[in-house]
Amino acid sequence: MEGTNSVIHIEDLTMAYRDTPVLWDIDLDVPECVRCAIVGPNGAGKSTLLRGILGLLKPVSGAVLLWGKALSAVHKQIAYVPQRGSVH
């Protein structure tokens, strides 16, 4: 499988809410030491992509590897601050 030197490797990722696909067939490799920005208009799927990478939303199909491993093997090495208007 590709992506063994990538921090993030995504292959054929499809994400959906209920039965409506919002992202499909996404492929992405982010190598180490590279800064990456996810940009696009509202509703383009940026947050959905991040939720899929972080395992907060289960993909319909495809694979996500972080540092060449499944999320379950590296989840304690990841911090995520969601975009919200208020904090509890």
C-alpha atoms as a PDB file:
ATOM      1  CA  MET A   1       0.000   0.000   0.000  1.00  0.00           C
ATOM      2  CA  GLU A   2       1.200   3.506  -0.811  1.00  0.00           C
ATOM      3  CA  GLY A   3       1.657   6.154   1.817  1.00  0.00           C
ATOM      4  CA  THR A   4       4.207   4.504   4.082  1.00  0.00           C
ATOM      5  CA  ASN A   5       6.213   7.781   4.227  1.00  0.00           C
ATOM      6  CA  SER A   6       3.093   9.907   4.505  1.00  0.00           C
ATOM      7  CA  VAL A   7       1.688  11.467   7.632  1.00  0.00           C
ATOM      8  CA  ILE A   8      -1.766  11.154   6.071  1.00  0.00           C
ATOM      9  CA  HIS A   9      -2.628   8.634   3.365  1.00  0.00           C
ATOM     10  CA  ILE A  10      -6.195   8.464   2.049  1.00  0.00           C
ATOM     11  CA  GLU A  11      -7.273   6.004  -0.602  1.00  0.00           C
ATOM     12  CA  ASP A  12     -10.697   5.933  -2.326  1.00  0.00           C
ATOM     13  CA  LEU A  13     -12.426   7.565   0.666  1.00  0.00           C
ATOM     14  CA  THR A  14     -16.180   8.075   0.421  1.00  0.00           C
ATOM     15  CA  MET A  15     -18.042   9.883   3.221  1.00  0.00           C
ATOM     16  CA  ALA A  16     -21.800  10.272   3.608  1.00  0.00           C
ATOM     17  CA  TYR A  17     -24.403  11.649   5.978  1.00  0.00           C
ATOM     18  CA  ARG A  18     -27.304   9.250   6.207  1.00  0.00           C
ATOM     19  CA  ASP A  19     -27.498   7.916   2.648  1.00  0.00           C
ATOM     20  CA  THR A  20     -26.211  11.055   0.914  1.00  0.00           C
ATOM     21  CA  PRO A  21     -22.564  10.960  -0.210  1.00  0.00           C
ATOM     22  CA  VAL A  22     -20.785  14.268   0.362  1.00  0.00           C
ATOM     23  CA  LEU A  23     -17.243  13.205  -0.583  1.00  0.00           C
ATOM     24  CA  TRP A  24     -16.378  10.323  -2.870  1.00  0.00           C
ATOM     25  CA  ASP A  25     -13.248   8.612  -4.190  1.00  0.00           C
ATOM     26  CA  ILE A  26     -10.847  10.927  -2.328  1.00  0.00           C
ATOM     27  CA  ASP A  27      -7.134  10.135  -2.676  1.00  0.00           C
ATOM     28  CA  LEU A  28      -4.564  12.154  -0.728  1.00  0.00           C
ATOM     29  CA  ASP A  29      -0.984  11.814   0.480  1.00  0.00           C
ATOM     30  CA  VAL A  30       0.525  14.375   2.843  1.00  0.00           C
ATOM     31  CA  PRO A  31       4.259  13.706   3.271  1.00  0.00           C
ATOM     32  CA  GLU A  32       6.148  14.417   6.477  1.00  0.00           C
ATOM     33  CA  CYS A  33       7.363  18.005   7.000  1.00  0.00           C
ATOM     34  CA  VAL A  34       4.778  19.434   4.577  1.00  0.00           C
ATOM     35  CA  ARG A  35       2.205  22.011   5.593  1.00  0.00           C
ATOM     36  CA  CYS A  36      -1.178  21.397   4.064  1.00  0.00           C
ATOM     37  CA  ALA A  37      -4.314  23.540   3.947  1.00  0.00           C
ATOM     38  CA  ILE A  38      -7.832  22.379   3.210  1.00  0.00           C
ATOM     39  CA  VAL A  39      -9.668  25.237   1.507  1.00  0.00           C
ATOM     40  CA  GLY A  40     -13.011  25.579  -0.211  1.00  0.00           C
ATOM     41  CA  PRO A  41     -16.412  27.200   0.026  1.00  0.00           C
ATOM     42  CA  ASN A  42     -18.952  26.463   2.747  1.00  0.00           C
ATOM     43  CA  GLY A  43     -20.475  23.040   2.242  1.00  0.00           C
ATOM     44  CA  ALA A  44     -17.580  21.695   0.155  1.00  0.00           C
ATOM     45  CA  GLY A  45     -16.793  18.904   2.650  1.00  0.00           C
ATOM     46  CA  LYS A  46     -13.725  20.252   4.482  1.00  0.00           C
ATOM     47  CA  SER A  47     -15.030  19.394   7.957  1.00  0.00           C
ATOM     48  CA  THR A  48     -16.361  16.057   6.728  1.00  0.00           C
ATOM     49  CA  LEU A  49     -12.915  15.192   5.379  1.00  0.00           C
ATOM     50  CA  LEU A  50     -11.315  16.035   8.730  1.00  0.00           C
ATOM     51  CA  ARG A  51     -13.934  13.997  10.585  1.00  0.00           C
ATOM     52  CA  GLY A  52     -13.172  11.049   8.318  1.00  0.00           C
ATOM     53  CA  ILE A  53      -9.423  11.377   8.865  1.00  0.00           C
ATOM     54  CA  LEU A  54      -9.922  11.535  12.638  1.00  0.00           C
ATOM     55  CA  GLY A  55     -12.382   8.645  12.732  1.00  0.00           C
ATOM     56  CA  LEU A  56     -15.193  10.839  14.071  1.00  0.00           C
ATOM     57  CA  LEU A  57     -17.314   9.852  11.095  1.00  0.00           C
ATOM     58  CA  LYS A  58     -17.172   6.341   9.686  1.00  0.00           C
ATOM     59  CA  PRO A  59     -16.361   6.237   5.971  1.00  0.00           C
ATOM     60  CA  VAL A  60     -18.697   4.476   3.567  1.00  0.00           C
ATOM     61  CA  SER A  61     -15.620   3.071   1.840  1.00  0.00           C
ATOM     62  CA  GLY A  62     -11.902   3.628   1.509  1.00  0.00           C
ATOM     63  CA  ALA A  63      -8.929   3.706   3.836  1.00  0.00           C
ATOM     64  CA  VAL A  64      -7.187   6.308   5.998  1.00  0.00           C
ATOM     65  CA  LEU A  65      -3.690   5.729   7.371  1.00  0.00           C
ATOM     66  CA  LEU A  66      -1.830   8.067   9.718  1.00  0.00           C
ATOM     67  CA  TRP A  67       1.942   7.556   9.818  1.00  0.00           C
ATOM     68  CA  GLY A  68       1.328   4.346   7.866  1.00  0.00           C
ATOM     69  CA  LYS A  69      -0.961   2.896  10.566  1.00  0.00           C
ATOM     70  CA  ALA A  70      -4.657   2.636  11.281  1.00  0.00           C
ATOM     71  CA  LEU A  71      -6.143   5.376  13.455  1.00  0.00           C
ATOM     72  CA  SER A  72      -6.663   2.934  16.332  1.00  0.00           C
ATOM     73  CA  ALA A  73      -2.879   2.514  16.578  1.00  0.00           C
ATOM     74  CA  VAL A  74      -2.087   6.246  16.720  1.00  0.00           C
ATOM     75  CA  HIS A  75      -5.188   7.950  18.133  1.00  0.00           C
ATOM     76  CA  LYS A  76      -3.401   9.026  21.340  1.00  0.00           C
ATOM     77  CA  GLN A  77      -0.925  11.076  19.278  1.00  0.00           C
ATOM     78  CA  ILE A  78      -3.620  13.299  17.746  1.00  0.00           C
ATOM     79  CA  ALA A  79      -5.245  16.458  19.084  1.00  0.00           C
ATOM     80  CA  TYR A  80      -8.305  18.024  17.482  1.00  0.00           C
ATOM     81  CA  VAL A  81     -10.044  21.302  18.277  1.00  0.00           C
ATOM     82  CA  PRO A  82     -13.446  21.440  16.576  1.00  0.00           C
ATOM     83  CA  GLN A  83     -14.781  24.662  15.121  1.00  0.00           C
ATOM     84  CA  ARG A  84     -17.492  25.887  17.462  1.00  0.00           C
ATOM     85  CA  GLY A  85     -18.885  29.267  18.447  1.00  0.00           C
ATOM     86  CA  SER A  86     -18.926  28.474  22.167  1.00  0.00           C
ATOM     87  CA  VAL A  87     -17.004  26.413  24.695  1.00  0.00           C
ATOM     88  CA  HIS A  88     -18.554  24.490  27.582  1.00  0.00           C
END
